[in-house]
């Protein structure tokens, strides 16, 4: 029995999450995620009408925010500063 599989070399499709699916993936309530958006901790990648769509990378970013809050007791403005510094370091190290 030989099975044939299609080989996909590259995907051009962007995987985006709705607010509800992002909340489900992270275990963070949607109103908290909306607050993260209002504080510019995360940004929607696109919009479907009035509904924000988020890049998959927001999942790990929200996990970092929650870890800072839960484990280190950092408030949201402090988390914003830490995330900004981390983003700058990543940009420099390329």
N, C-alpha and C. Protein backbone atom coordinates (compact mmCIF):
# COMPACT_ATOMS: atom_id res chain seq x y z
N UNK A 1 0.83 -1.19 0.00
CA UNK A 1 0.00 0.00 0.00
C UNK A 1 0.87 1.25 0.00
N UNK A 2 0.83 1.94 -1.06
CA UNK A 2 1.57 3.19 -1.09
C UNK A 2 0.57 4.34 -1.06
N UNK A 3 0.86 5.29 -0.21
CA UNK A 3 0.02 6.47 -0.10
C UNK A 3 0.76 7.64 -0.71
N UNK A 4 0.03 8.52 -1.32
CA UNK A 4 0.64 9.70 -1.91
C UNK A 4 0.22 10.93 -1.11
N UNK A 5 1.18 11.76 -0.88
CA UNK A 5 0.94 12.99 -0.14
C UNK A 5 1.37 14.16 -1.00
N UNK A 6 0.61 15.20 -0.92
CA UNK A 6 0.96 16.41 -1.65
C UNK A 6 1.98 17.18 -0.82
N UNK A 7 3.03 17.61 -1.46
CA UNK A 7 4.06 18.40 -0.79
C UNK A 7 3.74 19.87 -0.98
N UNK A 8 3.65 20.57 0.14
CA UNK A 8 3.39 22.02 0.10
C UNK A 8 4.70 22.71 0.43
N UNK A 9 5.20 23.45 -0.54
CA UNK A 9 6.49 24.11 -0.35
C UNK A 9 6.37 25.42 0.41
N UNK A 10 5.29 26.11 0.19
CA UNK A 10 5.14 27.42 0.82
C UNK A 10 3.67 27.75 0.95
N UNK A 11 3.34 28.38 2.04
CA UNK A 11 1.97 28.83 2.23
C UNK A 11 1.93 30.34 2.20
N UNK A 12 1.02 30.88 1.43
CA UNK A 12 0.83 32.32 1.39
C UNK A 12 -0.35 32.77 2.25
N UNK A 13 -1.07 31.81 2.79
CA UNK A 13 -2.25 32.11 3.58
C UNK A 13 -1.81 32.55 4.98
N UNK A 14 -2.28 33.70 5.39
CA UNK A 14 -1.99 34.17 6.74
C UNK A 14 -3.02 33.59 7.70
N UNK A 15 -2.52 33.05 8.78
CA UNK A 15 -3.42 32.51 9.79
C UNK A 15 -3.74 33.63 10.79
N UNK A 16 -5.00 33.99 10.85
CA UNK A 16 -5.42 35.04 11.77
C UNK A 16 -6.51 34.51 12.68
N UNK A 17 -6.52 35.03 13.88
CA UNK A 17 -7.46 34.59 14.90
C UNK A 17 -8.46 35.69 15.20
N UNK A 18 -9.70 35.29 15.42
CA UNK A 18 -10.70 36.24 15.90
C UNK A 18 -10.45 36.51 17.37
N UNK A 19 -11.12 37.48 17.91
CA UNK A 19 -10.98 37.80 19.33
C UNK A 19 -11.37 36.60 20.19
N UNK A 20 -12.46 35.93 19.83
CA UNK A 20 -12.91 34.77 20.60
C UNK A 20 -11.92 33.61 20.50
N UNK A 21 -11.37 33.36 19.31
CA UNK A 21 -10.43 32.25 19.18
C UNK A 21 -9.11 32.58 19.88
N UNK A 22 -8.70 33.84 19.88
CA UNK A 22 -7.50 34.24 20.62
C UNK A 22 -7.72 34.05 22.11
N UNK A 23 -8.89 34.43 22.59
CA UNK A 23 -9.22 34.24 24.00
C UNK A 23 -9.20 32.75 24.36
N UNK A 24 -9.74 31.94 23.48
CA UNK A 24 -9.77 30.49 23.71
C UNK A 24 -8.36 29.90 23.73
N UNK A 25 -7.51 30.33 22.80
CA UNK A 25 -6.14 29.81 22.72
C UNK A 25 -5.29 30.19 23.92
N UNK A 26 -5.54 31.35 24.48
CA UNK A 26 -4.70 31.85 25.57
C UNK A 26 -5.30 31.63 26.95
N UNK A 27 -6.59 31.37 27.01
CA UNK A 27 -7.25 31.24 28.30
C UNK A 27 -7.48 32.58 28.99
N UNK A 28 -7.39 33.65 28.22
CA UNK A 28 -7.58 35.00 28.75
C UNK A 28 -8.92 35.50 28.24
N UNK A 29 -9.73 36.06 29.13
CA UNK A 29 -11.07 36.54 28.76
C UNK A 29 -10.96 37.63 27.69
N UNK A 30 -11.92 37.65 26.80
CA UNK A 30 -11.91 38.59 25.68
C UNK A 30 -11.89 40.06 26.12
N UNK A 31 -12.50 40.39 27.26
CA UNK A 31 -12.47 41.79 27.72
C UNK A 31 -11.05 42.19 28.15
N UNK A 32 -10.29 41.23 28.68
CA UNK A 32 -8.89 41.51 29.04
C UNK A 32 -8.07 41.73 27.78
N UNK A 33 -8.32 40.91 26.75
CA UNK A 33 -7.62 41.08 25.48
C UNK A 33 -7.97 42.43 24.86
N UNK A 34 -9.24 42.83 24.95
CA UNK A 34 -9.64 44.15 24.45
C UNK A 34 -8.89 45.25 25.20
N UNK A 35 -8.67 45.05 26.49
CA UNK A 35 -7.91 46.02 27.28
C UNK A 35 -6.45 46.07 26.81
N UNK A 36 -5.88 44.88 26.49
CA UNK A 36 -4.52 44.84 25.96
C UNK A 36 -4.44 45.63 24.65
N UNK A 37 -5.46 45.52 23.82
CA UNK A 37 -5.50 46.27 22.56
C UNK A 37 -5.59 47.76 22.84
N UNK A 38 -6.45 48.15 23.77
CA UNK A 38 -6.61 49.57 24.11
C UNK A 38 -5.33 50.18 24.65
N UNK A 39 -4.51 49.35 25.33
CA UNK A 39 -3.24 49.83 25.88
C UNK A 39 -2.08 49.62 24.91
N UNK A 40 -2.39 49.16 23.70
CA UNK A 40 -1.39 48.92 22.64
C UNK A 40 -0.37 47.85 23.01
N UNK A 41 -0.77 46.91 23.88
CA UNK A 41 0.11 45.79 24.19
C UNK A 41 0.12 44.78 23.05
N UNK A 42 -1.02 44.66 22.38
CA UNK A 42 -1.14 43.86 21.15
C UNK A 42 -1.93 44.69 20.16
N UNK A 43 -1.75 44.37 18.89
CA UNK A 43 -2.47 45.12 17.85
C UNK A 43 -3.12 44.14 16.88
N UNK A 44 -4.33 44.43 16.46
CA UNK A 44 -4.95 43.60 15.43
C UNK A 44 -4.14 43.69 14.13
N UNK A 45 -4.05 42.56 13.44
CA UNK A 45 -3.35 42.53 12.15
C UNK A 45 -4.26 43.02 11.04
N UNK A 46 -5.56 42.84 11.24
CA UNK A 46 -6.53 43.19 10.21
C UNK A 46 -7.90 43.32 10.86
N UNK A 47 -8.87 43.69 10.07
CA UNK A 47 -10.24 43.81 10.57
C UNK A 47 -11.18 43.11 9.59
N UNK A 48 -12.17 42.44 10.13
CA UNK A 48 -13.26 41.86 9.34
C UNK A 48 -14.50 42.65 9.75
N UNK A 49 -14.75 43.73 9.04
CA UNK A 49 -15.81 44.64 9.46
C UNK A 49 -15.36 45.36 10.71
N UNK A 50 -16.12 45.17 11.79
CA UNK A 50 -15.75 45.79 13.07
C UNK A 50 -15.04 44.82 14.00
N UNK A 51 -14.80 43.60 13.52
CA UNK A 51 -14.17 42.57 14.34
C UNK A 51 -12.66 42.51 14.07
N UNK A 52 -11.86 42.61 15.14
CA UNK A 52 -10.41 42.55 14.93
C UNK A 52 -9.96 41.12 14.64
N UNK A 53 -8.92 41.01 13.82
CA UNK A 53 -8.27 39.74 13.54
C UNK A 53 -6.82 39.86 13.98
N UNK A 54 -6.34 38.85 14.69
CA UNK A 54 -5.02 38.90 15.28
C UNK A 54 -4.09 37.88 14.64
N UNK A 55 -2.84 38.27 14.51
CA UNK A 55 -1.82 37.35 14.03
C UNK A 55 -1.59 36.28 15.11
N UNK A 56 -1.17 35.11 14.69
CA UNK A 56 -0.93 34.01 15.62
C UNK A 56 0.14 34.36 16.65
N UNK A 57 1.06 35.25 16.30
CA UNK A 57 2.12 35.65 17.23
C UNK A 57 1.57 36.33 18.49
N UNK A 58 0.32 36.80 18.43
CA UNK A 58 -0.29 37.41 19.62
C UNK A 58 -0.49 36.39 20.74
N UNK A 59 -0.60 35.12 20.39
CA UNK A 59 -0.77 34.09 21.42
C UNK A 59 0.43 34.09 22.35
N UNK A 60 1.63 34.04 21.79
CA UNK A 60 2.83 34.03 22.64
C UNK A 60 3.01 35.36 23.36
N UNK A 61 2.64 36.46 22.71
CA UNK A 61 2.76 37.77 23.36
C UNK A 61 1.82 37.88 24.56
N UNK A 62 0.62 37.38 24.43
CA UNK A 62 -0.32 37.40 25.55
C UNK A 62 0.18 36.50 26.68
N UNK A 63 0.78 35.37 26.33
CA UNK A 63 1.34 34.49 27.36
C UNK A 63 2.46 35.19 28.13
N UNK A 64 3.28 35.97 27.43
CA UNK A 64 4.33 36.74 28.10
C UNK A 64 3.71 37.78 29.03
N UNK A 65 2.71 38.48 28.54
CA UNK A 65 2.04 39.50 29.36
C UNK A 65 1.46 38.85 30.62
N UNK A 66 0.79 37.74 30.46
CA UNK A 66 0.18 37.06 31.60
C UNK A 66 1.24 36.54 32.58
N UNK A 67 2.36 36.08 32.05
CA UNK A 67 3.43 35.60 32.94
C UNK A 67 4.02 36.77 33.72
N UNK A 68 4.22 37.90 33.07
CA UNK A 68 4.71 39.09 33.76
C UNK A 68 3.76 39.50 34.87
N UNK A 69 2.48 39.46 34.59
CA UNK A 69 1.47 39.86 35.58
C UNK A 69 1.40 38.86 36.74
N UNK A 70 1.27 37.60 36.38
CA UNK A 70 1.03 36.55 37.38
C UNK A 70 2.28 36.24 38.21
N UNK A 71 3.39 35.98 37.53
CA UNK A 71 4.58 35.51 38.22
C UNK A 71 5.45 36.62 38.80
N UNK A 72 5.46 37.77 38.14
CA UNK A 72 6.33 38.85 38.58
C UNK A 72 5.59 40.04 39.17
N UNK A 73 4.27 40.03 39.10
CA UNK A 73 3.48 41.11 39.68
C UNK A 73 3.59 42.42 38.92
N UNK A 74 3.94 42.37 37.65
CA UNK A 74 4.10 43.58 36.84
C UNK A 74 2.72 44.07 36.41
N UNK A 75 2.48 45.38 36.55
CA UNK A 75 1.22 45.93 36.08
C UNK A 75 1.27 46.13 34.56
N UNK A 76 0.15 46.47 33.96
CA UNK A 76 0.10 46.57 32.50
C UNK A 76 1.01 47.65 31.92
N UNK A 77 1.09 48.85 32.52
CA UNK A 77 2.05 49.82 31.99
C UNK A 77 3.50 49.31 32.07
N UNK A 78 3.82 48.60 33.15
CA UNK A 78 5.15 48.01 33.28
C UNK A 78 5.38 46.94 32.23
N UNK A 79 4.35 46.13 31.96
CA UNK A 79 4.45 45.11 30.92
C UNK A 79 4.68 45.76 29.56
N UNK A 80 4.04 46.90 29.32
CA UNK A 80 4.23 47.61 28.06
C UNK A 80 5.68 48.05 27.89
N UNK A 81 6.29 48.54 28.94
CA UNK A 81 7.69 48.96 28.89
C UNK A 81 8.60 47.76 28.63
N UNK A 82 8.36 46.66 29.33
CA UNK A 82 9.17 45.46 29.17
C UNK A 82 9.04 44.91 27.75
N UNK A 83 7.81 44.86 27.23
CA UNK A 83 7.60 44.36 25.87
C UNK A 83 8.27 45.25 24.84
N UNK A 84 8.21 46.56 25.05
CA UNK A 84 8.87 47.49 24.14
C UNK A 84 10.38 47.25 24.13
N UNK A 85 10.96 47.06 25.30
CA UNK A 85 12.40 46.80 25.38
C UNK A 85 12.75 45.47 24.70
N UNK A 86 11.94 44.45 24.92
CA UNK A 86 12.18 43.16 24.27
C UNK A 86 12.09 43.28 22.76
N UNK A 87 11.10 44.04 22.27
CA UNK A 87 10.95 44.25 20.83
C UNK A 87 12.18 44.97 20.25
N UNK A 88 12.67 45.96 20.98
CA UNK A 88 13.85 46.70 20.51
C UNK A 88 15.09 45.80 20.47
N UNK A 89 15.26 44.95 21.49
CA UNK A 89 16.38 44.02 21.51
C UNK A 89 16.31 43.05 20.34
N UNK A 90 15.11 42.52 20.07
CA UNK A 90 14.93 41.60 18.94
C UNK A 90 15.25 42.29 17.61
N UNK A 91 14.84 43.54 17.50
CA UNK A 91 15.09 44.28 16.26
C UNK A 91 16.59 44.53 16.06
N UNK A 92 17.31 44.80 17.12
CA UNK A 92 18.75 45.04 17.03
C UNK A 92 19.52 43.76 16.71
N UNK A 93 19.05 42.65 17.27
CA UNK A 93 19.76 41.38 17.08
C UNK A 93 19.30 40.65 15.84
N UNK A 94 18.32 41.21 15.19
CA UNK A 94 17.81 40.79 13.95
C UNK A 94 17.46 39.50 13.56
